[in-house]
Amino acid sequence: MDYFDGIVGQDRALQILRRALATGAINHAYLFTGPAGVGKRTAAWAFARAIVLGHDPEGEIYFREKVHPDFMLIEKPENKTSIAIEQINREMEPWLAMKPYRAARRVVIIHEAHLMSMPAANALLKTLEEPPGYAVIILVTAEPNLMETIVSRCQLIRFSPATESDIRQILIKRGLEDDDRLTNLARLGQGSIAAAIQLAEEEGIEELWHTTRNMVKDLSAGGDVEVFKCAELMEKKPAMIAGMLAALLRDIYIFQTTGRRALLVVESNHDFYKEFKPLDPERVMTTLSQMDKLSRQYRGPVNSLLLSINISYQLRDALK
C-alpha cells in the first residue's frame, strides 16, 4: 500500500520516508520544512499513518477518525496565538510516557511548530533530548525560525515548491479544464498547491482581481490615505490579496524589462501593465522579498491589519 499516493512533486522527501518505513530505521524526531501548501502536512499524516497502521492494520478506522490511542496531533488552538507549554508538558509528555497500546510506536505530529511559545519549545527540547524508544515526533513548519537545538535533534525532511506542471496536474484532477485558467492558477500559486486550489475555488475571483488592480493603480499615485485604504481592503482576504499584489508588481516589472507576455503570471493584464512608469529593479526585488516575508506572518500571531499596512507601504514605495 502506498500511503503517500496523491502527493506530487516531492519525490526526494518521500524517498527518504519510504526507505525508513521499508527498513524500519525510523528516527525519534523529524522536521518537515518547506514552503506553505506543498504537501508537508499531508505527508506527515501519511507517514504517521504508515507507522501506526504498519503494526496495527485493523486500527484504520481509529486513525481516520483521529482517535487512535497511539497517535496525537498538537496544533494551535483556534482561540490562541501560539502552542502553549501545557500542550507539551501536560498533554504530550504524559501520553508519550505510556507504552503503545495497539501499535509498535506512538506518533505525535506538531503542526505549525514555529507557533510554539518559548516555554513550549523548551519543554519539547527536553523530550527530544531523551525520547522514549517507541516515540516518533514529527514537526511541521513553513518557517525557518525554530530553536537550533530542536532542529539539530530532528531528521530534516525538505519539501520543495511545486512546479507549474505539478499544480496543473492537481487542478486537472479536481476538474479544471480551461487551459488559460490552469496556466494562470499554476503561476499564481507560486509553488503552493494549496494556494492554487484556494484561488480556483474562490468565488468572485475576477472581482477580486479588479479590486487589486485598482489598489495597485491608486498606490502608484497616492499617499498615506491610499495606503490605509489598501490595507483595509486587504483585510477581506489578506494573504490571498497580498499574493495577488505581489504578482502584479512582479508582472509590471517583467513586462517593462522584457515585453514578453509569456513570462507574465497574469498574461491578460498586459495592457494594464503599460500604465506604470519604469520601476527601479533593485527596489522591486527588495519589495517582493519584504512582501513575501510579511505575507508569511499572516499565519502567525501578528496583527493582520498592521501587516497589511506595512505591505501597502512597501508596494507604494516600489511603484513610485
Protein backbone atom coordinates (compact mmCIF):
# COMPACT_ATOMS: atom_id res chain seq x y z
CA MET A 1 0.00 0.00 0.00
CA ASP A 2 1.33 3.44 -0.95
CA TYR A 3 0.47 5.72 1.93
CA PHE A 4 1.87 8.71 0.01
CA ASP A 5 -0.36 8.33 -3.02
CA GLY A 6 -1.56 11.72 -4.28
CA ILE A 7 1.43 13.75 -3.05
CA VAL A 8 3.15 15.16 -6.14
CA GLY A 9 6.46 16.86 -6.76
CA GLN A 10 8.16 15.70 -3.54
CA ASP A 11 9.98 12.58 -4.72
CA ARG A 12 13.18 13.26 -2.78
CA ALA A 13 11.40 13.80 0.54
CA LEU A 14 9.11 10.81 0.05
CA GLN A 15 12.03 8.58 -0.92
CA ILE A 16 13.60 9.17 2.49
CA LEU A 17 10.33 8.39 4.29
CA ARG A 18 9.63 5.28 2.21
CA ARG A 19 13.13 3.98 2.91
CA ALA A 20 12.67 4.49 6.64
CA LEU A 21 9.40 2.54 6.55
CA ALA A 22 10.88 -0.25 4.45
CA THR A 23 13.95 -0.74 6.66
CA GLY A 24 12.31 0.02 9.98
CA ALA A 25 15.05 2.60 10.68
CA ILE A 26 12.62 5.27 11.85
CA ASN A 27 14.08 8.20 13.78
CA HIS A 28 12.60 9.52 17.00
CA ALA A 29 12.07 13.02 15.52
CA TYR A 30 11.54 14.57 12.10
CA LEU A 31 11.29 18.16 10.90
CA PHE A 32 9.16 18.59 7.76
CA THR A 33 10.05 22.01 6.39
CA GLY A 34 9.43 23.95 3.19
CA PRO A 35 7.05 26.48 1.63
CA ALA A 36 3.41 26.57 2.66
CA GLY A 37 0.94 24.49 0.71
CA VAL A 38 3.29 21.96 -0.88
CA GLY A 39 2.21 18.80 0.97
CA LYS A 40 4.15 18.80 4.25
CA ARG A 41 1.11 18.23 6.45
CA THR A 42 -0.33 15.62 4.09
CA ALA A 43 2.99 13.79 4.06
CA ALA A 44 3.26 13.97 7.87
CA TRP A 45 -0.19 12.40 8.23
CA ALA A 46 0.67 9.72 5.67
CA PHE A 47 3.96 8.92 7.43
CA ALA A 48 2.26 8.74 10.84
CA ARG A 49 -0.48 6.55 9.40
CA ALA A 50 2.07 4.19 7.85
CA ILE A 51 4.00 3.89 11.14
CA VAL A 52 0.92 3.25 13.27
CA LEU A 53 -1.02 1.00 10.89
CA GLY A 54 2.08 -0.92 9.86
CA HIS A 55 1.72 -2.79 13.16
CA ASP A 56 -2.00 -2.24 13.62
CA PRO A 57 -3.77 -2.65 10.25
CA GLU A 58 -7.11 -3.07 11.99
CA GLY A 59 -6.75 0.39 13.51
CA GLU A 60 -7.51 2.19 10.23
CA ILE A 61 -10.92 3.42 11.33
CA TYR A 62 -9.50 4.77 14.59
CA PHE A 63 -6.75 6.65 12.78
CA ARG A 64 -9.16 8.02 10.18
CA GLU A 65 -11.42 9.36 12.95
CA LYS A 66 -8.37 10.79 14.79
CA VAL A 67 -8.99 8.66 17.88
CA HIS A 68 -6.24 6.07 17.55
CA PRO A 69 -4.70 5.62 21.02
CA ASP A 70 -1.15 5.71 19.64
CA PHE A 71 -1.47 8.92 17.63
CA MET A 72 -1.62 12.53 18.82
CA LEU A 73 -1.98 15.82 16.93
CA ILE A 74 -0.83 19.05 18.54
CA GLU A 75 -1.71 22.37 16.91
CA LYS A 76 -2.52 25.92 17.89
CA PRO A 77 -6.00 26.23 19.43
CA GLU A 78 -8.36 28.41 17.39
CA ASN A 79 -8.69 30.99 20.16
CA LYS A 80 -4.94 31.22 20.85
CA THR A 81 -1.94 32.74 19.10
CA SER A 82 0.57 30.02 19.99
CA ILE A 83 1.05 26.42 21.04
CA ALA A 84 1.21 26.57 24.85
CA ILE A 85 3.56 24.78 27.19
CA GLU A 86 0.58 22.91 28.68
CA GLN A 87 0.04 21.17 25.33
CA ILE A 88 3.57 19.80 25.60
CA ASN A 89 4.14 19.04 29.28
CA ARG A 90 0.56 18.22 30.35
CA GLU A 91 -0.75 16.51 27.22
CA MET A 92 2.10 15.15 25.11
CA GLU A 93 4.69 14.20 27.75
CA PRO A 94 2.41 12.06 29.98
CA TRP A 95 0.93 10.46 26.83
CA LEU A 96 4.39 9.61 25.47
CA ALA A 97 5.40 8.19 28.84
CA MET A 98 2.88 5.37 28.32
CA LYS A 99 3.87 2.49 26.07
CA PRO A 100 1.98 1.93 22.80
CA TYR A 101 -1.47 0.42 23.26
CA ARG A 102 -2.16 -1.07 19.81
CA ALA A 103 0.80 -0.18 17.57
CA ALA A 104 4.55 -0.62 17.99
CA ARG A 105 5.18 3.12 18.27
CA ARG A 106 3.46 6.27 19.47
CA VAL A 107 3.44 9.11 16.94
CA VAL A 108 2.95 12.85 17.55
CA ILE A 109 2.51 15.48 14.85
CA ILE A 110 3.11 19.09 15.90
CA HIS A 111 1.56 21.20 13.15
CA GLU A 112 2.92 24.71 12.59
CA ALA A 113 5.67 24.03 15.09
CA HIS A 114 7.01 27.56 14.68
CA LEU A 115 3.98 28.73 16.67
CA MET A 116 5.23 27.08 19.85
CA SER A 117 5.76 29.55 22.67
CA MET A 118 9.29 29.65 24.06
CA PRO A 119 8.29 27.67 27.19
CA ALA A 120 6.62 25.07 24.95
CA ALA A 121 9.71 24.84 22.75
CA ASN A 122 11.94 24.37 25.79
CA ALA A 123 9.65 21.66 27.12
CA LEU A 124 9.74 19.88 23.75
CA LEU A 125 13.53 20.11 23.72
CA LYS A 126 13.72 18.15 26.98
CA THR A 127 11.62 15.40 25.43
CA LEU A 128 13.78 15.35 22.29
CA GLU A 129 16.93 15.01 24.40
CA GLU A 130 15.72 11.75 25.98
CA PRO A 131 12.76 10.43 23.98
CA PRO A 132 11.17 7.05 24.71
CA GLY A 133 12.43 4.41 22.30
CA TYR A 134 8.99 3.93 20.80
CA ALA A 135 8.27 7.65 20.26
CA VAL A 136 8.17 9.41 16.89
CA ILE A 137 7.69 13.20 16.91
CA ILE A 138 7.02 14.94 13.59
CA LEU A 139 7.34 18.72 13.48
CA VAL A 140 5.74 20.50 10.52
CA THR A 141 6.59 24.11 9.70
CA ALA A 142 6.92 26.57 6.84
CA GLU A 143 9.03 28.95 8.93
CA PRO A 144 12.80 28.53 9.47
CA ASN A 145 12.79 30.03 12.97
CA LEU A 146 12.75 27.04 15.31
CA MET A 147 15.37 26.79 18.05
CA GLU A 148 18.59 25.42 16.59
CA THR A 149 18.80 22.92 19.45
CA ILE A 150 15.43 21.49 18.35
CA VAL A 151 16.38 21.42 14.67
CA SER A 152 19.65 19.60 15.43
CA ARG A 153 17.76 16.77 17.16
CA CYS A 154 15.45 16.11 14.20
CA GLN A 155 15.98 14.48 10.83
CA LEU A 156 15.36 17.26 8.34
CA ILE A 157 12.93 16.47 5.52
CA ARG A 158 12.88 19.32 3.00
CA PHE A 159 9.86 19.94 0.78
CA SER A 160 10.26 21.93 -2.43
CA PRO A 161 7.95 24.43 -4.14
CA ALA A 162 5.63 22.65 -6.55
CA THR A 163 6.28 23.14 -10.24
CA GLU A 164 3.67 24.62 -12.58
CA SER A 165 3.30 21.15 -14.08
CA ASP A 166 2.61 19.62 -10.65
CA ILE A 167 -0.01 22.26 -9.86
CA ARG A 168 -1.69 21.85 -13.25
CA GLN A 169 -1.84 18.09 -12.66
CA ILE A 170 -3.59 18.57 -9.31
CA LEU A 171 -6.05 21.12 -10.71
CA ILE A 172 -6.91 18.90 -13.68
CA LYS A 173 -7.70 16.06 -11.27
CA ARG A 174 -10.05 18.46 -9.49
CA GLY A 175 -12.00 19.04 -12.70
CA LEU A 176 -10.47 22.21 -14.19
CA GLU A 177 -10.17 22.08 -17.96
CA ASP A 178 -9.67 25.61 -19.31
CA ASP A 179 -6.03 25.79 -20.38
CA ASP A 180 -5.60 29.55 -19.86
CA ARG A 181 -7.12 29.38 -16.39
CA LEU A 182 -4.93 26.40 -15.49
CA THR A 183 -1.85 28.34 -16.55
CA ASN A 184 -2.84 31.43 -14.56
CA LEU A 185 -3.64 29.44 -11.42
CA ALA A 186 -0.45 27.39 -11.66
CA ARG A 187 1.62 30.56 -11.91
CA LEU A 188 -0.32 32.41 -9.24
CA GLY A 189 0.18 29.51 -6.85
CA GLN A 190 3.89 30.41 -6.87
CA GLY A 191 4.87 26.91 -5.88
CA SER A 192 1.98 26.36 -3.46
CA ILE A 193 -0.59 23.74 -4.42
CA ALA A 194 -2.85 24.87 -1.58
CA ALA A 195 -2.77 28.49 -2.77
CA ALA A 196 -3.64 27.49 -6.34
CA ILE A 197 -6.55 25.34 -5.14
CA GLN A 198 -7.80 28.17 -2.93
CA LEU A 199 -7.73 30.56 -5.88
CA ALA A 200 -9.51 28.01 -8.08
CA GLU A 201 -12.29 27.60 -5.53
CA GLU A 202 -12.61 31.28 -4.63
CA GLU A 203 -15.94 32.77 -5.64
CA GLY A 204 -15.79 36.20 -7.24
CA ILE A 205 -12.11 35.87 -8.14
CA GLU A 206 -12.48 38.21 -11.14
CA GLU A 207 -13.95 40.91 -8.91
CA LEU A 208 -11.04 40.41 -6.51
CA TRP A 209 -8.58 40.86 -9.37
CA HIS A 210 -10.38 44.05 -10.37
CA THR A 211 -10.06 45.31 -6.79
CA THR A 212 -6.34 44.51 -6.55
CA ARG A 213 -5.60 46.17 -9.89
CA ASN A 214 -7.31 49.33 -8.65
CA MET A 215 -5.34 49.13 -5.40
CA VAL A 216 -2.05 49.00 -7.31
CA LYS A 217 -3.09 51.91 -9.52
CA ASP A 218 -4.17 54.02 -6.53
CA LEU A 219 -0.98 53.26 -4.61
CA SER A 220 1.20 54.24 -7.56
CA ALA A 221 -0.18 57.78 -7.47
CA GLY A 222 -1.32 58.08 -3.89
CA GLY A 223 -0.11 58.90 -0.41
CA ASP A 224 -0.75 57.68 3.11
CA VAL A 225 -4.53 57.76 2.69
CA GLU A 226 -4.34 55.29 -0.20
CA VAL A 227 -2.04 53.07 1.86
CA PHE A 228 -4.59 52.80 4.66
CA LYS A 229 -7.45 52.28 2.18
CA CYS A 230 -5.46 49.49 0.55
CA ALA A 231 -4.76 47.87 3.92
CA GLU A 232 -8.45 47.96 4.84
CA LEU A 233 -9.40 46.28 1.56
CA MET A 234 -6.75 43.63 2.13
CA GLU A 235 -8.43 42.57 5.35
CA LYS A 236 -11.15 40.78 3.34
CA LYS A 237 -8.63 38.15 2.20
CA PRO A 238 -5.23 39.34 3.50
CA ALA A 239 -2.90 36.52 2.49
CA MET A 240 -4.59 35.97 -0.87
CA ILE A 241 -4.68 39.66 -1.81
CA ALA A 242 -1.06 40.11 -0.69
CA GLY A 243 -0.09 37.33 -3.10
CA MET A 244 -2.07 38.93 -5.91
CA LEU A 245 -0.48 42.33 -5.26
CA ALA A 246 2.99 40.77 -5.36
CA ALA A 247 2.12 39.01 -8.62
CA LEU A 248 1.01 42.32 -10.17
CA LEU A 249 4.20 44.11 -9.07
CA ARG A 250 6.31 41.30 -10.47
CA ASP A 251 4.40 41.32 -13.76
CA ILE A 252 4.70 45.09 -14.18
CA TYR A 253 8.47 44.83 -13.75
CA ILE A 254 8.83 41.77 -16.02
CA PHE A 255 6.72 43.34 -18.77
CA GLN A 256 8.68 46.60 -18.58
CA THR A 257 12.05 44.86 -18.81
CA THR A 258 11.26 42.10 -21.33
CA GLY A 259 7.99 42.95 -23.06
CA ARG A 260 7.28 39.20 -23.18
CA ARG A 261 3.71 38.31 -22.31
CA ALA A 262 4.57 34.62 -21.98
CA LEU A 263 6.60 35.39 -18.83
CA LEU A 264 3.72 37.07 -17.02
CA VAL A 265 1.79 35.46 -14.18
CA VAL A 266 -1.42 37.04 -15.46
CA GLU A 267 -0.92 37.49 -19.18
CA SER A 268 -4.34 39.09 -19.74
CA ASN A 269 -3.27 42.14 -17.71
CA HIS A 270 -0.58 43.22 -20.19
CA ASP A 271 -2.41 46.41 -21.22
CA PHE A 272 -2.78 47.36 -17.55
CA TYR A 273 0.98 46.98 -17.01
CA LYS A 274 1.69 49.63 -19.67
CA GLU A 275 0.15 52.32 -17.45
CA PHE A 276 3.06 52.45 -14.98
CA LYS A 277 6.27 54.41 -15.17
CA PRO A 278 9.57 52.46 -15.26
CA LEU A 279 10.31 50.78 -11.94
CA ASP A 280 13.65 50.57 -10.17
CA PRO A 281 14.87 46.92 -10.41
CA GLU A 282 16.65 46.87 -7.05
CA ARG A 283 13.67 48.38 -5.25
CA VAL A 284 11.29 45.90 -6.88
CA MET A 285 13.40 42.91 -5.85
CA THR A 286 13.71 44.21 -2.29
CA THR A 287 9.99 44.92 -2.10
CA LEU A 288 9.00 41.47 -3.38
CA SER A 289 11.28 39.87 -0.79
CA GLN A 290 9.82 42.01 2.01
CA MET A 291 6.24 41.34 0.88
CA ASP A 292 6.93 37.62 0.94
CA LYS A 293 8.35 37.76 4.47
CA LEU A 294 5.44 39.85 5.71
CA SER A 295 2.82 37.67 3.99
CA ARG A 296 4.11 34.56 5.71
CA GLN A 297 3.44 36.20 9.06
CA TYR A 298 -0.32 36.21 8.40
CA ARG A 299 -0.23 32.60 9.67
CA GLY A 300 1.24 33.73 12.99
CA PRO A 301 0.13 35.79 15.98
CA VAL A 302 0.87 39.19 14.37
CA ASN A 303 -2.00 41.67 13.86
CA SER A 304 -3.05 41.24 10.22
CA LEU A 305 -4.01 44.90 9.70
CA LEU A 306 -0.53 46.03 10.73
CA LEU A 307 0.96 43.55 8.26
CA SER A 308 -1.37 44.83 5.51
CA ILE A 309 -0.39 48.45 6.22
CA ASN A 310 3.30 47.54 6.04
CA ILE A 311 2.80 45.63 2.78
CA SER A 312 0.85 48.56 1.31
CA TYR A 313 3.66 50.98 2.17
CA GLN A 314 6.24 48.66 0.64
CA LEU A 315 4.23 48.33 -2.56
CA ARG A 316 3.56 52.07 -2.83
CA ASP A 317 7.23 52.93 -2.49
CA ALA A 318 8.19 50.41 -5.16
CA LEU A 319 5.65 51.87 -7.59
CA LYS A 320 6.78 55.47 -7.11
